[in-house]
Protein backbone atom coordinates (compact mmCIF):
# COMPACT_ATOMS: atom_id res chain seq x y z
CA MET A 1 -214.29 -215.47 138.10
CA ASP A 2 -212.59 -215.92 134.85
CA ILE A 3 -209.32 -214.38 135.38
CA ALA A 4 -208.30 -214.98 131.58
CA LEU A 5 -211.26 -213.03 130.56
CA LEU A 6 -210.40 -210.25 132.99
CA VAL A 7 -206.87 -209.97 131.61
CA LYS A 8 -208.07 -210.14 128.01
CA PHE A 9 -210.50 -207.29 128.94
CA LEU A 10 -207.90 -205.11 130.57
CA ALA A 11 -204.88 -205.76 128.48
CA PRO A 12 -205.79 -203.16 125.75
CA CYS A 13 -206.70 -200.55 128.26
CA LEU A 14 -203.61 -200.84 130.61
CA PRO A 15 -201.40 -198.52 128.59
CA PHE A 16 -203.97 -195.91 129.26
CA LEU A 17 -204.95 -196.94 132.77
CA LEU A 18 -201.37 -196.81 133.88
CA LYS A 19 -201.12 -193.20 132.58
CA VAL A 20 -204.32 -191.85 134.09
CA GLY A 21 -203.87 -187.97 134.32
CA ASN A 22 -201.82 -187.94 131.27
CA LYS A 23 -202.91 -186.38 127.93
CA ALA A 24 -202.66 -189.77 126.22
CA VAL A 25 -205.47 -191.05 128.21
CA GLU A 26 -207.89 -188.61 126.50
CA GLY A 27 -207.88 -190.89 123.44
CA ALA A 28 -208.48 -194.16 125.30
CA SER A 29 -212.25 -194.21 124.85
CA GLU A 30 -211.86 -193.79 121.05
CA LYS A 31 -209.29 -196.54 120.86
CA VAL A 32 -211.14 -199.27 122.88
CA GLY A 33 -214.64 -198.01 122.99
CA GLU A 34 -216.36 -195.84 125.51
CA ASP A 35 -218.28 -198.71 127.27
CA VAL A 36 -215.05 -200.81 127.46
CA TRP A 37 -212.96 -197.94 128.71
CA ASN A 38 -215.63 -196.93 131.53
CA LYS A 39 -215.79 -200.63 132.65
CA ALA A 40 -212.04 -201.05 132.61
CA LYS A 41 -211.63 -197.76 134.73
CA ALA A 42 -214.09 -198.99 137.29
CA ILE A 43 -212.43 -202.42 137.46
CA TRP A 44 -208.85 -200.81 137.66
CA ALA A 45 -210.10 -198.32 140.43
CA LYS A 46 -210.82 -201.53 142.60
CA LEU A 47 -207.75 -203.49 141.38
CA HIS A 48 -205.14 -200.83 141.42
CA PRO A 49 -204.47 -200.42 145.21
CA LYS A 50 -204.02 -204.30 145.41
CA VAL A 51 -201.72 -204.29 142.30
CA GLU A 52 -199.68 -201.42 143.65
CA ALA A 53 -199.26 -203.10 146.95
CA LYS A 54 -197.81 -206.28 145.36
CA GLU A 55 -194.58 -205.72 143.45
CA ALA A 56 -194.89 -208.76 141.25
CA ALA A 57 -198.37 -207.70 140.16
CA LYS A 58 -197.33 -204.13 139.61
CA GLU A 59 -194.38 -205.42 137.29
CA ALA A 60 -196.87 -207.84 135.48
CA ALA A 61 -199.43 -204.89 134.84
CA THR A 62 -196.56 -202.76 133.60
CA ASP A 63 -195.29 -205.42 131.32
CA VAL A 64 -198.72 -205.97 129.74
CA ALA A 65 -199.28 -202.22 129.33
CA ALA A 66 -196.01 -202.09 127.43
CA LYS A 67 -197.05 -205.07 125.18
CA PRO A 68 -200.71 -205.80 125.58
CA GLU A 69 -200.77 -208.54 122.89
CA ASP A 70 -198.13 -210.63 124.58
CA GLU A 71 -199.71 -213.76 125.71
CA ASP A 72 -196.77 -214.63 128.02
CA LEU A 73 -197.00 -211.36 129.72
CA GLN A 74 -200.71 -211.63 130.04
CA ALA A 75 -200.21 -215.13 131.71
CA SER A 76 -197.88 -213.53 134.26
CA LEU A 77 -200.61 -210.89 134.91
CA ARG A 78 -203.25 -213.63 135.25
CA VAL A 79 -201.24 -215.42 137.92
CA GLN A 80 -200.85 -212.20 140.03
CA LEU A 81 -204.50 -211.31 139.68
CA LYS A 82 -205.56 -214.77 140.56
CA LYS A 83 -203.51 -214.52 143.70
CA ILE A 84 -205.06 -211.09 144.61
CA LEU A 85 -208.62 -212.02 144.00
CA ASP A 86 -208.24 -215.44 145.63
CA ALA A 87 -207.25 -213.65 148.81
CA ASP A 88 -210.02 -211.11 148.55
CA THR A 89 -213.28 -212.82 147.65
CA ALA A 90 -215.28 -209.68 148.06
CA LEU A 91 -213.16 -207.74 145.64
CA ALA A 92 -213.38 -210.65 143.16
CA GLU A 93 -217.28 -210.43 143.32
CA GLU A 94 -217.25 -206.57 142.85
CA ILE A 95 -215.06 -207.06 139.79
CA ALA A 96 -216.94 -209.92 138.52
CA GLN A 97 -220.26 -207.77 138.59
CA ILE A 98 -218.59 -204.94 136.77
CA LEU A 99 -217.17 -207.21 134.09
CA GLN A 100 -220.46 -209.10 133.70
CA ALA A 101 -222.21 -205.81 133.19
CA SER A 102 -219.84 -205.14 130.20
CA THR A 103 -221.00 -208.14 128.24
CA ASN A 104 -224.08 -207.99 125.99
CA GLN A 105 -227.12 -207.31 127.70
CA ALA A 106 -230.12 -209.73 127.58
CA GLY A 107 -231.68 -209.68 124.13
CA ASP A 108 -228.80 -208.16 122.33
CA ASN A 109 -227.76 -209.95 119.08
CA ILE A 110 -224.29 -211.62 118.86
CA GLN A 111 -222.53 -213.31 116.22
CA VAL A 112 -220.54 -216.37 116.95
CA SER A 113 -217.91 -217.60 114.45
CA ALA A 114 -215.79 -220.74 114.82
CA ASN A 115 -213.76 -223.10 112.97
CA ALA A 116 -214.97 -226.78 112.79
CA HIS A 117 -212.64 -229.71 112.99
CA ASP A 118 -212.65 -230.03 109.22
CA GLN A 119 -211.53 -226.48 108.74
CA SER A 120 -214.97 -225.29 107.59
CA LYS A 121 -216.41 -222.12 109.05
CA VAL A 122 -219.39 -222.01 111.32
CA ASN A 123 -221.40 -218.72 111.66
CA GLN A 124 -224.46 -218.10 113.79
CA VAL A 125 -226.40 -215.16 114.87
CA GLY A 126 -228.65 -215.30 117.88
CA LYS A 127 -230.01 -213.67 120.88
CA ILE A 128 -228.94 -213.89 124.61
CA ASP A 129 -231.68 -214.21 127.20
CA ALA A 130 -230.46 -214.60 130.62
CA ASN A 131 -228.16 -217.51 130.48
CA GLN A 132 -229.53 -219.03 127.40
CA VAL A 133 -228.55 -218.77 123.86
CA SER A 134 -231.20 -218.87 121.14
CA PHE A 135 -230.47 -219.27 117.42
């Protein structure tokens, strides 16, 4: 499981996930998108008990919720989630399945943009079929 991807996925949702039951949560799906919000809630429902049980993980999640863009705080959360998921492979698999379902479905168009070594831009549009990308 890609813990970095998991943290990047959860980071913008954590301010809302940690305030479930609060009125502020009502705008979460508008801010991050309904699909992302639903997947984040499903992942957090599984992760939350383990995070709550581990003080360092709870603190890391709270820190990221306060500053979702902070790479250093995300790194701390990555370490804590890695420890949790390494200790519970069944949980890691469940979360991986939820996270995988949140990516583009087979056949969906995607656009990939990157910078080449000479600072030129590379743009490509293609389709994803299973684990293959066609352009």
